[in-house]
Amino acid sequence: MMSQRRGIHLDQSELLCKKGCGFYGNTAWQGLCSKCWREENQREKQKQIQEDWALAERLQREEQEAYASRQQRTQSQPSITPFSKFEERKTKEKSSKVNTVTKFFIPSTKTPKKDAAPFETQSSPSPSSSTSRQSSVDSDIATREFIDFLKPLKSGREIFKQCRAFTESMVYKRDMGAHELSECVQDFYQNLSERLQIQFKGSTDQVECIMDEVEKYMMTRLYKEAFCPETTDDEKKDLAIQKRIRALHWVTIEMLCVPVNEEIPEVSDSVVKAITDVIEMDSKRVPKDKLACITRCSKHIFNAIKVSKKEAASADDFLPTLIYIVLKANPPRLHSNIQYITRFCNPSRLMTGEDGYYFTNLCCAVAFIEKLDGQSLNLSSEEFELYMSGQASPHWPLTTGASSSSSGSAALSQVHKRLDLLTGLGERQERVMEKARQLESDLIDWTDEVEQKVQSVLESFPPDTQNPPASTASGTAAASSAIDSDNVENELLPPPLQPQVFAG
């Protein structure tokens, strides 16, 4: 049994940040938590900026030295053109090259045009589009709810101004990559959270509640630009994962060692609810709401395991069951949803708590599915390739010793028994139908044969249709009786007795 778990078992320490800070890591952040990932990125950026400036200064210095040497050679030689025109031309050449090199290494700042439209107008495709109208309605609802939430707060007006200004400024950053967009949003989250904690003297619970509403307002308005950006290959990876899961349709509970008995009605209901929740994740716009779907799915999984085993579920039971649920659900745009949560969710929610734990396990489950091989399922490479190509399907015996004692083996045995029974019933039905068709043919032949015999008899003995000659009544009666009688001697019998009146 342990050999079957070798490809699925995941030590809980592997879910934590590689830096050892105690927070949950993420595969998208190379195993780091959001805090360590940002610190690592900032160090890399600072190092890159310093290297770029050093290169720019070196190129500028070399250009100046080259210009000075050319000017000295020019002064020592007779000039055909006037010196003033020559100096003017060289000065323009120098300034042009130096400015070009300097601008190449200075981050470009896009200046908004005066006639630029608001964020909502530029981001929506057309007023007649139903998707655009729905997005506009959702944005309006989110804005009203955000304003109503901020009204009781003393600093609510300032918070709303900052959030609105940030969302409107994102229209000028739509050409940036997904990583840069994520950095902008995460920087805003961090700066606003620090101001709420220091300037507004808010408690931890209050700050977390405000940041939840900030995330809901901002990401509802930025959803179209932030989810599956055109600058990424998220859509391509979505299709690849979807195709991969379809190819793994033959994977069974037995192979994944999932301790779930779907023959129990409560367990079956929990499995269906878990599948529904993970599929529903794609319909949500806010990262927090998407995480809530993952959390509900995970809780249904734990309930299914608990009812099946009649004891509390362990982490080793949860991960293979989550993999099984993902394989059965094949959630739409799975990669894009995970990336959207990773990039734009409030980072503190992914670092700790049950949301962060369940999300980290989902990322591990997807990574396992992408790297799934025969060894992970206790199969040979040849069997795995045959199953993946569809040339064969896994065959499980009805009773296999110890494995048949488990609930999964019993369920699988019942399935095979019912399949065999259906096959036998099909064969019996075919035999019955064949006998019925033969009986129908025999009845038709017998009917034809009877009709032919009756017809031949009628033709051999035609009925006498002529009227007999007139005679006495007794003679007629005797003739009629003689026709129906086979015994000729009956005609010599005395007449029947006549009734007589008794006189006494």
Protein backbone atom coordinates (compact mmCIF):
# COMPACT_ATOMS: atom_id res chain seq x y z
CA MET A 1 0.00 0.00 0.00
CA MET A 2 2.82 2.39 0.79
CA SER A 3 4.37 1.73 -2.61
CA GLN A 4 1.21 2.97 -4.26
CA ARG A 5 1.39 6.21 -2.31
CA ARG A 6 4.95 7.00 -3.20
CA GLY A 7 4.03 9.28 -6.11
CA ILE A 8 1.24 11.13 -4.24
CA HIS A 9 2.54 11.52 -0.70
CA LEU A 10 3.58 15.09 0.06
CA ASP A 11 5.35 16.08 3.23
CA GLN A 12 3.69 19.08 4.85
CA SER A 13 7.05 20.85 5.11
CA GLU A 14 7.08 21.01 1.32
CA LEU A 15 4.07 23.33 1.44
CA LEU A 16 6.02 25.94 3.39
CA CYS A 17 8.30 28.67 2.08
CA LYS A 18 11.81 27.54 1.17
CA LYS A 19 13.25 30.45 3.12
CA GLY A 20 11.96 28.92 6.34
CA CYS A 21 9.80 31.90 7.31
CA GLY A 22 6.87 29.64 8.24
CA PHE A 23 4.42 30.91 5.61
CA TYR A 24 2.98 28.83 2.75
CA GLY A 25 5.00 28.79 -0.46
CA ASN A 26 3.74 28.65 -4.01
CA THR A 27 4.99 26.97 -7.15
CA ALA A 28 4.44 30.20 -9.10
CA TRP A 29 6.87 31.90 -6.71
CA GLN A 30 9.45 29.10 -6.97
CA GLY A 31 8.46 27.68 -3.60
CA LEU A 32 8.64 31.03 -1.76
CA CYS A 33 5.87 32.88 0.04
CA SER A 34 4.66 36.21 -1.34
CA LYS A 35 6.73 38.21 1.14
CA CYS A 36 10.03 36.44 0.40
CA TRP A 37 9.23 36.44 -3.31
CA ARG A 38 8.77 40.22 -3.33
CA GLU A 39 11.94 40.77 -1.34
CA GLU A 40 13.87 38.52 -3.71
CA ASN A 41 12.46 40.34 -6.73
CA GLN A 42 13.25 43.75 -5.30
CA ARG A 43 16.85 42.73 -4.67
CA GLU A 44 17.13 41.41 -8.22
CA LYS A 45 15.58 44.61 -9.59
CA GLN A 46 17.89 46.82 -7.54
CA LYS A 47 20.88 44.84 -8.73
CA GLN A 48 19.71 45.07 -12.34
CA ILE A 49 19.13 48.83 -12.05
CA GLN A 50 22.61 49.36 -10.66
CA GLU A 51 24.13 47.28 -13.45
CA ASP A 52 22.14 49.23 -16.06
CA TRP A 53 23.22 52.59 -14.69
CA ALA A 54 26.84 51.45 -14.52
CA LEU A 55 26.64 50.36 -18.15
CA ALA A 56 25.01 53.65 -19.15
CA GLU A 57 27.70 55.69 -17.38
CA ARG A 58 30.45 53.62 -18.97
CA LEU A 59 28.97 54.05 -22.45
CA GLN A 60 28.56 57.77 -21.87
CA ARG A 61 32.14 58.12 -20.64
CA GLU A 62 33.49 56.19 -23.62
CA GLU A 63 31.48 58.39 -25.95
CA GLN A 64 32.83 61.54 -24.35
CA GLU A 65 36.41 60.27 -24.56
CA ALA A 66 35.93 59.33 -28.21
CA TYR A 67 34.45 62.74 -28.93
CA ALA A 68 37.32 64.51 -27.17
CA SER A 69 39.92 62.53 -29.15
CA ARG A 70 38.14 63.28 -32.43
CA GLN A 71 38.01 66.97 -31.54
CA GLN A 72 41.74 67.05 -30.83
CA ARG A 73 42.52 65.40 -34.17
CA THR A 74 40.27 67.88 -35.94
CA GLN A 75 41.95 70.89 -34.33
CA SER A 76 45.42 69.64 -35.35
CA GLN A 77 44.37 69.24 -39.02
CA PRO A 78 43.26 71.97 -41.46
CA SER A 79 39.50 72.09 -41.74
CA ILE A 80 37.70 72.64 -45.00
CA THR A 81 34.46 73.78 -43.38
CA PRO A 82 34.28 76.62 -40.85
CA PHE A 83 35.11 75.51 -37.30
CA SER A 84 31.84 76.81 -35.86
CA LYS A 85 29.70 74.60 -38.11
CA PHE A 86 31.90 71.60 -37.37
CA GLU A 87 31.59 72.12 -33.61
CA GLU A 88 27.84 72.56 -33.85
CA ARG A 89 27.45 69.32 -35.80
CA LYS A 90 29.61 67.36 -33.32
CA THR A 91 27.74 68.77 -30.35
CA LYS A 92 24.41 67.59 -31.82
CA GLU A 93 25.86 64.15 -32.54
CA LYS A 94 27.17 63.81 -29.00
CA SER A 95 23.95 64.88 -27.32
CA SER A 96 21.91 62.59 -29.54
CA LYS A 97 23.97 59.48 -28.74
CA VAL A 98 24.23 60.18 -25.02
CA ASN A 99 20.51 60.81 -24.71
CA THR A 100 19.76 57.64 -26.62
CA VAL A 101 21.91 55.51 -24.31
CA THR A 102 20.54 57.19 -21.20
CA LYS A 103 16.91 56.81 -22.23
CA PHE A 104 17.46 53.13 -22.98
CA PHE A 105 18.25 52.37 -19.34
CA ILE A 106 15.79 54.77 -17.70
CA PRO A 107 12.33 53.25 -17.01
CA SER A 108 9.82 54.81 -19.33
CA THR A 109 6.91 56.67 -17.78
CA LYS A 110 3.85 56.86 -19.95
CA THR A 111 2.19 60.23 -19.76
CA PRO A 112 -1.55 60.10 -20.09
CA LYS A 113 -3.02 61.95 -22.99
CA LYS A 114 -5.30 64.84 -22.27
CA ASP A 115 -8.08 63.34 -24.31
CA ALA A 116 -7.71 59.87 -22.79
CA ALA A 117 -10.98 58.24 -21.88
CA PRO A 118 -11.77 56.87 -18.43
CA PHE A 119 -10.66 53.34 -17.52
CA GLU A 120 -14.07 51.79 -17.92
CA THR A 121 -14.62 53.32 -21.36
CA GLN A 122 -11.33 52.14 -22.80
CA SER A 123 -11.43 48.72 -21.24
CA SER A 124 -14.89 47.79 -22.43
CA PRO A 125 -15.19 46.61 -26.03
CA SER A 126 -18.53 48.03 -27.13
CA PRO A 127 -21.68 49.33 -25.46
CA SER A 128 -23.80 46.80 -27.32
CA SER A 129 -21.85 43.79 -26.05
CA SER A 130 -23.66 41.77 -23.39
CA THR A 131 -20.34 40.96 -21.72
CA SER A 132 -19.47 44.66 -21.59
CA ARG A 133 -22.84 45.54 -20.11
CA GLN A 134 -22.52 42.82 -17.48
CA SER A 135 -19.02 44.01 -16.60
CA SER A 136 -20.26 47.58 -16.29
CA VAL A 137 -23.14 46.49 -14.06
CA ASP A 138 -20.80 44.50 -11.82
CA SER A 139 -18.44 47.46 -11.57
CA ASP A 140 -21.28 49.81 -10.63
CA ILE A 141 -22.54 47.41 -7.97
CA ALA A 142 -19.03 46.96 -6.56
CA THR A 143 -18.56 50.76 -6.46
CA ARG A 144 -21.83 51.35 -4.61
CA GLU A 145 -21.09 48.58 -2.12
CA PHE A 146 -17.59 49.95 -1.55
CA ILE A 147 -18.88 53.46 -0.95
CA ASP A 148 -21.53 52.19 1.47
CA PHE A 149 -18.84 50.28 3.35
CA LEU A 150 -16.54 53.30 3.61
CA LYS A 151 -19.19 55.84 4.68
CA PRO A 152 -18.98 55.06 8.42
CA LEU A 153 -15.18 55.27 8.37
CA LYS A 154 -13.49 58.54 9.19
CA SER A 155 -10.86 58.07 6.50
CA GLY A 156 -13.26 56.43 4.03
CA ARG A 157 -13.22 59.31 1.53
CA GLU A 158 -9.42 59.26 1.27
CA ILE A 159 -9.35 55.47 0.87
CA PHE A 160 -11.90 55.65 -1.94
CA LYS A 161 -9.98 58.43 -3.73
CA GLN A 162 -6.76 56.44 -3.64
CA CYS A 163 -8.40 53.21 -4.87
CA ARG A 164 -10.27 54.98 -7.64
CA ALA A 165 -7.17 56.85 -8.77
CA PHE A 166 -5.19 53.62 -8.89
CA THR A 167 -7.78 51.72 -10.93
CA GLU A 168 -8.06 54.58 -13.41
CA SER A 169 -4.29 54.77 -13.75
CA MET A 170 -4.14 51.10 -14.72
CA VAL A 171 -5.48 51.99 -18.17
CA TYR A 172 -2.05 53.36 -19.03
CA LYS A 173 -0.38 50.10 -17.94
CA ARG A 174 -2.42 47.64 -19.94
CA ASP A 175 0.54 46.96 -22.24
CA MET A 176 2.68 45.86 -19.31
CA GLY A 177 3.31 42.20 -18.63
CA ALA A 178 1.31 40.23 -16.09
CA HIS A 179 4.23 40.25 -13.66
CA GLU A 180 4.46 44.05 -13.77
CA LEU A 181 0.70 44.43 -13.33
CA SER A 182 0.86 42.12 -10.33
CA GLU A 183 3.70 44.14 -8.86
CA CYS A 184 1.68 47.35 -9.19
CA VAL A 185 -1.35 45.86 -7.46
CA GLN A 186 0.68 44.19 -4.72
CA ASP A 187 2.60 47.43 -4.07
CA PHE A 188 -0.69 49.28 -3.72
CA TYR A 189 -2.00 46.64 -1.30
CA GLN A 190 1.13 46.85 0.81
CA ASN A 191 1.29 50.66 0.88
CA LEU A 192 -2.40 51.04 1.72
CA SER A 193 -2.19 48.38 4.42
CA GLU A 194 0.78 50.14 6.03
CA ARG A 195 -1.02 53.49 5.96
CA LEU A 196 -4.09 51.93 7.53
CA GLN A 197 -2.00 50.42 10.30
CA ILE A 198 0.14 53.50 11.01
CA GLN A 199 -1.68 56.62 9.87
CA PHE A 200 -5.26 55.55 10.59
CA LYS A 201 -4.41 53.53 13.72
CA GLY A 202 -6.59 50.63 12.60
CA SER A 203 -6.59 47.29 14.37
CA THR A 204 -5.53 44.10 12.55
CA ASP A 205 -9.11 42.91 12.08
CA GLN A 206 -10.25 46.32 10.83
CA VAL A 207 -7.35 46.57 8.40
CA GLU A 208 -8.03 43.06 7.07
CA CYS A 209 -11.72 43.83 6.63
CA ILE A 210 -10.95 47.07 4.75
CA MET A 211 -8.38 45.35 2.54
CA ASP A 212 -10.94 42.67 1.64
CA GLU A 213 -13.33 45.36 0.42
CA VAL A 214 -10.51 47.15 -1.40
CA GLU A 215 -9.61 43.95 -3.22
CA LYS A 216 -13.25 43.32 -4.12
CA TYR A 217 -13.72 46.84 -5.52
CA MET A 218 -10.45 46.99 -7.44
CA MET A 219 -10.42 43.51 -8.95
CA THR A 220 -14.05 43.70 -10.03
CA ARG A 221 -13.15 46.79 -12.06
CA LEU A 222 -9.81 45.40 -13.27
CA TYR A 223 -10.98 41.84 -13.97
CA LYS A 224 -10.95 42.06 -17.76
CA GLU A 225 -7.40 43.45 -17.82
CA ALA A 226 -6.02 41.28 -15.03
CA PHE A 227 -7.51 37.85 -15.80
CA CYS A 228 -5.65 35.89 -18.50
CA PRO A 229 -3.83 38.91 -20.04
CA GLU A 230 -2.91 38.77 -23.70
CA THR A 231 0.76 39.23 -22.79
CA THR A 232 0.85 35.78 -21.16
CA ASP A 233 0.47 32.19 -22.33
CA ASP A 234 -2.20 31.42 -19.72
CA GLU A 235 -4.77 30.43 -22.34
CA LYS A 236 -2.36 28.00 -23.98
CA LYS A 237 -1.59 26.37 -20.64
CA ASP A 238 -5.31 26.15 -19.84
CA LEU A 239 -5.87 24.11 -22.98
CA ALA A 240 -2.84 21.93 -22.24
CA ILE A 241 -4.06 21.09 -18.72
CA GLN A 242 -7.59 20.45 -19.98
CA LYS A 243 -6.27 18.07 -22.62
CA ARG A 244 -4.04 16.37 -20.07
CA ILE A 245 -6.93 15.75 -17.66
CA ARG A 246 -9.09 14.36 -20.48
CA ALA A 247 -6.33 11.93 -21.37
CA LEU A 248 -6.26 10.74 -17.72
CA HIS A 249 -9.96 9.82 -17.65
CA TRP A 250 -9.06 6.17 -16.97
CA VAL A 251 -7.40 6.88 -13.60
CA THR A 252 -9.42 5.27 -10.81
CA ILE A 253 -9.76 5.68 -7.07
CA GLU A 254 -7.75 2.48 -6.67
CA MET A 255 -4.75 3.91 -8.49
CA LEU A 256 -4.71 7.12 -6.43
CA CYS A 257 -5.37 5.29 -3.12
CA VAL A 258 -8.31 7.59 -2.40
CA PRO A 259 -10.04 6.54 0.86
CA VAL A 260 -13.54 7.44 -0.37
CA ASN A 261 -16.51 5.09 -0.76
CA GLU A 262 -18.91 6.69 -3.21
CA GLU A 263 -21.52 3.97 -2.63
CA ILE A 264 -22.42 5.80 0.61
CA PRO A 265 -25.03 8.46 -0.31
CA GLU A 266 -23.54 11.12 1.96
CA VAL A 267 -20.08 10.56 0.50
CA SER A 268 -21.43 10.69 -3.05
CA ASP A 269 -23.18 13.99 -2.28
CA SER A 270 -19.99 15.46 -0.83
CA VAL A 271 -18.02 14.44 -3.93
CA VAL A 272 -20.60 16.07 -6.21
CA LYS A 273 -20.55 19.27 -4.13
CA ALA A 274 -16.74 19.36 -4.18
CA ILE A 275 -16.75 19.03 -7.97
CA THR A 276 -19.37 21.78 -8.27
CA ASP A 277 -17.40 24.15 -6.05
CA VAL A 278 -14.12 23.78 -7.92
CA ILE A 279 -15.94 24.34 -11.24
CA GLU A 280 -17.75 27.39 -9.81
CA MET A 281 -14.38 29.03 -9.13
CA ASP A 282 -14.20 30.22 -12.75
CA SER A 283 -17.44 32.22 -12.44
CA LYS A 284 -16.09 34.46 -9.65
CA ARG A 285 -14.30 37.76 -10.31
CA VAL A 286 -12.68 38.52 -6.97
CA PRO A 287 -9.66 36.45 -5.86
CA LYS A 288 -11.15 36.09 -2.38
CA ASP A 289 -14.33 34.57 -3.83
CA LYS A 290 -12.31 32.14 -5.95
CA LEU A 291 -10.42 31.09 -2.83
CA ALA A 292 -13.72 30.59 -1.02
CA CYS A 293 -14.75 28.08 -3.70
CA ILE A 294 -11.50 26.15 -3.17
CA THR A 295 -12.04 26.16 0.59
CA ARG A 296 -15.61 24.85 0.30
CA CYS A 297 -14.44 22.14 -2.10
CA SER A 298 -11.74 21.07 0.36
CA LYS A 299 -14.16 20.91 3.28
CA HIS A 300 -16.49 18.66 1.29
CA ILE A 301 -13.49 16.42 0.56
CA PHE A 302 -12.62 16.17 4.25
CA ASN A 303 -16.24 15.29 5.03
CA ALA A 304 -16.27 12.55 2.36
CA ILE A 305 -13.08 11.03 3.80
CA LYS A 306 -14.37 11.25 7.36
CA VAL A 307 -17.64 9.48 6.54
CA SER A 308 -15.86 6.80 4.49
CA LYS A 309 -13.18 6.03 7.07
CA LYS A 310 -15.32 6.85 10.13
CA GLU A 311 -12.40 8.87 11.47
CA ALA A 312 -10.76 12.24 10.91
CA ALA A 313 -8.98 12.66 7.59
CA SER A 314 -5.23 13.18 7.39
CA ALA A 315 -3.17 15.29 5.02
CA ASP A 316 -2.05 12.13 3.19
CA ASP A 317 -5.69 11.33 2.50
CA PHE A 318 -6.62 14.86 1.43
CA LEU A 319 -4.13 15.44 -1.40
CA PRO A 320 -4.90 12.27 -3.45
CA THR A 321 -8.63 12.90 -3.00
CA LEU A 322 -8.18 16.49 -4.21
CA ILE A 323 -6.32 15.15 -7.24
CA TYR A 324 -9.21 12.76 -7.91
CA ILE A 325 -11.74 15.62 -7.65
CA VAL A 326 -9.75 17.78 -10.07
CA LEU A 327 -9.53 14.88 -12.54
CA LYS A 328 -13.28 14.29 -12.36
CA ALA A 329 -14.20 17.99 -12.54
CA ASN A 330 -11.65 19.19 -15.13
CA PRO A 331 -12.30 22.81 -14.04
CA PRO A 332 -12.41 25.41 -16.84
CA ARG A 333 -9.40 27.73 -17.18
CA LEU A 334 -7.71 26.11 -14.21
CA HIS A 335 -4.25 27.58 -14.84
CA SER A 336 -5.61 31.10 -15.43
CA ASN A 337 -7.61 31.01 -12.20
CA ILE A 338 -4.61 29.87 -10.18
CA GLN A 339 -2.42 32.56 -11.73
CA TYR A 340 -5.06 35.23 -11.18
CA ILE A 341 -5.27 34.38 -7.49
CA THR A 342 -1.49 34.26 -7.20
CA ARG A 343 -0.98 37.62 -8.90
CA PHE A 344 -3.78 39.75 -7.49
CA CYS A 345 -4.98 38.25 -4.21
CA ASN A 346 -4.21 39.99 -0.94
CA PRO A 347 -0.84 38.32 -0.16
CA SER A 348 -1.54 37.86 3.53
CA ARG A 349 -4.43 35.50 2.71
CA LEU A 350 -2.17 33.12 0.78
CA MET A 351 0.56 33.09 3.41
CA THR A 352 -1.46 31.77 6.34
CA GLY A 353 -4.86 30.36 7.26
CA GLU A 354 -7.02 27.65 5.73
CA ASP A 355 -7.41 29.54 2.44
CA GLY A 356 -3.65 29.56 1.97
CA TYR A 357 -3.35 25.89 2.96
CA TYR A 358 -6.05 24.69 0.58
CA PHE A 359 -4.81 26.85 -2.28
CA THR A 360 -1.26 25.55 -1.84
CA ASN A 361 -2.58 21.98 -1.97
CA LEU A 362 -4.51 22.76 -5.15
CA CYS A 363 -1.32 24.06 -6.76
CA CYS A 364 0.45 20.84 -5.71
CA ALA A 365 -2.40 18.74 -7.13
CA VAL A 366 -2.17 20.50 -10.51
CA ALA A 367 1.61 20.10 -10.53
CA PHE A 368 1.18 16.39 -9.76
CA ILE A 369 -1.30 15.95 -12.63
CA GLU A 370 1.08 17.66 -15.05
CA LYS A 371 3.94 15.32 -14.05
CA LEU A 372 1.87 12.16 -13.53
CA ASP A 373 3.57 9.00 -14.78
CA GLY A 374 3.26 5.25 -14.45
CA GLN A 375 5.43 5.07 -11.34
CA SER A 376 3.12 7.46 -9.50
CA LEU A 377 0.21 5.07 -10.14
CA ASN A 378 2.22 1.88 -9.55
CA LEU A 379 2.07 1.02 -13.27
CA SER A 380 4.76 0.14 -15.77
CA SER A 381 5.72 2.66 -18.43
CA GLU A 382 4.24 0.45 -21.15
CA GLU A 383 0.87 0.18 -19.38
CA PHE A 384 0.78 3.91 -18.73
CA GLU A 385 1.44 4.75 -22.39
CA LEU A 386 -1.19 2.27 -23.57
CA TYR A 387 -3.79 3.79 -21.26
CA MET A 388 -2.85 7.34 -22.21
CA SER A 389 -3.09 6.57 -25.94
CA GLY A 390 -6.45 4.83 -25.50
CA GLN A 391 -5.19 1.53 -26.93
CA ALA A 392 -6.08 -0.28 -23.71
CA SER A 393 -7.98 0.24 -20.47
CA PRO A 394 -6.95 -0.91 -17.00
CA HIS A 395 -8.26 -4.37 -16.00
CA TRP A 396 -8.82 -4.98 -12.31
CA PRO A 397 -9.57 -8.51 -11.00
CA LEU A 398 -12.69 -9.05 -8.93
CA THR A 399 -10.77 -10.32 -5.89
CA THR A 400 -7.12 -9.56 -5.29
CA GLY A 401 -6.38 -10.67 -1.76
CA ALA A 402 -5.92 -7.81 0.66
CA SER A 403 -6.87 -5.14 -1.83
CA SER A 404 -10.35 -6.64 -2.20
CA SER A 405 -11.03 -5.98 1.47
CA SER A 406 -10.93 -2.22 1.00
CA SER A 407 -14.06 -0.30 0.18
CA GLY A 408 -12.67 0.80 -3.17
CA SER A 409 -11.94 -2.79 -4.24
CA ALA A 410 -15.39 -3.92 -3.14
CA ALA A 411 -16.97 -1.15 -5.18
CA LEU A 412 -14.86 -2.05 -8.20
CA SER A 413 -15.76 -5.73 -7.82
CA GLN A 414 -19.44 -4.84 -7.75
CA VAL A 415 -19.03 -2.85 -10.94
CA HIS A 416 -17.39 -5.78 -12.72
CA LYS A 417 -20.03 -8.20 -11.45
CA ARG A 418 -22.77 -5.96 -12.75
CA LEU A 419 -21.02 -5.62 -16.07
CA ASP A 420 -20.75 -9.40 -16.36
CA LEU A 421 -24.42 -9.74 -15.41
CA LEU A 422 -25.39 -7.20 -18.07
CA THR A 423 -23.32 -9.05 -20.63
CA GLY A 424 -25.03 -12.35 -19.74
CA LEU A 425 -28.46 -10.73 -19.87
CA GLY A 426 -27.65 -9.34 -23.29
CA GLU A 427 -26.70 -12.76 -24.57
CA ARG A 428 -29.84 -14.34 -23.11
CA GLN A 429 -32.00 -11.63 -24.65
CA GLU A 430 -30.42 -12.27 -28.02
CA ARG A 431 -31.20 -16.00 -27.72
CA VAL A 432 -34.79 -15.28 -26.70
CA MET A 433 -35.22 -12.94 -29.65
CA GLU A 434 -33.81 -15.59 -31.98
CA LYS A 435 -36.23 -18.23 -30.63
CA ALA A 436 -39.11 -15.77 -30.93
CA ARG A 437 -38.24 -15.06 -34.54
CA GLN A 438 -38.07 -18.85 -35.22
CA LEU A 439 -41.46 -19.39 -33.52
CA GLU A 440 -42.99 -16.63 -35.61
CA SER A 441 -41.67 -18.26 -38.78
CA ASP A 442 -42.98 -21.68 -37.70
CA LEU A 443 -46.44 -20.25 -36.98
CA ILE A 444 -46.58 -18.66 -40.41
CA ASP A 445 -45.54 -21.95 -42.06
CA TRP A 446 -48.11 -23.97 -40.02
CA THR A 447 -50.91 -21.54 -40.94
CA ASP A 448 -50.05 -21.82 -44.62
CA GLU A 449 -49.94 -25.62 -44.39
CA VAL A 450 -53.37 -25.82 -42.70
CA GLU A 451 -54.89 -23.53 -45.31
CA GLN A 452 -53.50 -25.69 -48.11
CA LYS A 453 -54.88 -28.93 -46.59
CA VAL A 454 -58.35 -27.43 -46.08
CA GLN A 455 -58.33 -26.14 -49.62
CA SER A 456 -57.33 -29.55 -51.02
CA VAL A 457 -60.09 -31.31 -49.03
CA LEU A 458 -62.69 -28.88 -50.27
CA GLU A 459 -61.54 -29.41 -53.81
CA SER A 460 -61.67 -33.25 -53.43
CA PHE A 461 -65.18 -33.31 -51.91
CA PRO A 462 -67.29 -30.57 -53.42
CA PRO A 463 -70.61 -30.02 -51.53
CA ASP A 464 -73.98 -31.21 -53.24
CA THR A 465 -75.89 -28.03 -53.85
CA GLN A 466 -78.87 -29.65 -55.86
CA ASN A 467 -82.34 -29.92 -54.14
CA PRO A 468 -83.65 -33.52 -53.60
CA PRO A 469 -87.00 -34.66 -55.31
CA ALA A 470 -90.30 -34.31 -53.53
CA SER A 471 -91.24 -37.30 -51.38
CA THR A 472 -93.08 -38.15 -48.26
CA ALA A 473 -92.08 -36.82 -44.92
CA SER A 474 -91.01 -40.16 -43.63
CA GLY A 475 -89.00 -40.86 -46.71
CA THR A 476 -87.28 -37.51 -46.38
CA ALA A 477 -86.57 -38.07 -42.73
CA ALA A 478 -85.18 -41.49 -43.48
CA ALA A 479 -82.99 -40.13 -46.28
CA SER A 480 -81.73 -37.33 -44.06
CA SER A 481 -80.99 -39.72 -41.26
CA ALA A 482 -79.24 -42.05 -43.66
CA ILE A 483 -76.92 -39.27 -44.79
CA ASP A 484 -75.72 -38.64 -41.29
CA SER A 485 -75.51 -42.30 -40.32
CA ASP A 486 -72.66 -44.60 -41.04
CA ASN A 487 -74.64 -47.71 -39.94
CA VAL A 488 -77.05 -48.86 -42.64
CA GLU A 489 -78.83 -51.29 -40.26
CA ASN A 490 -80.30 -48.34 -38.41
CA GLU A 491 -82.89 -48.06 -41.15
CA LEU A 492 -84.45 -51.46 -40.04
CA LEU A 493 -85.15 -50.26 -36.52
CA PRO A 494 -88.79 -50.01 -35.45
CA PRO A 495 -90.40 -46.63 -35.23
CA PRO A 496 -90.05 -44.82 -31.99
CA LEU A 497 -92.60 -45.34 -29.27
CA GLN A 498 -95.52 -42.98 -29.20
CA PRO A 499 -96.86 -41.58 -25.94
CA GLN A 500 -100.12 -43.11 -24.72
CA VAL A 501 -102.71 -41.80 -22.29
CA PHE A 502 -102.92 -43.86 -19.13
CA ALA A 503 -106.51 -44.67 -18.19
CA GLY A 504 -106.66 -45.55 -14.63
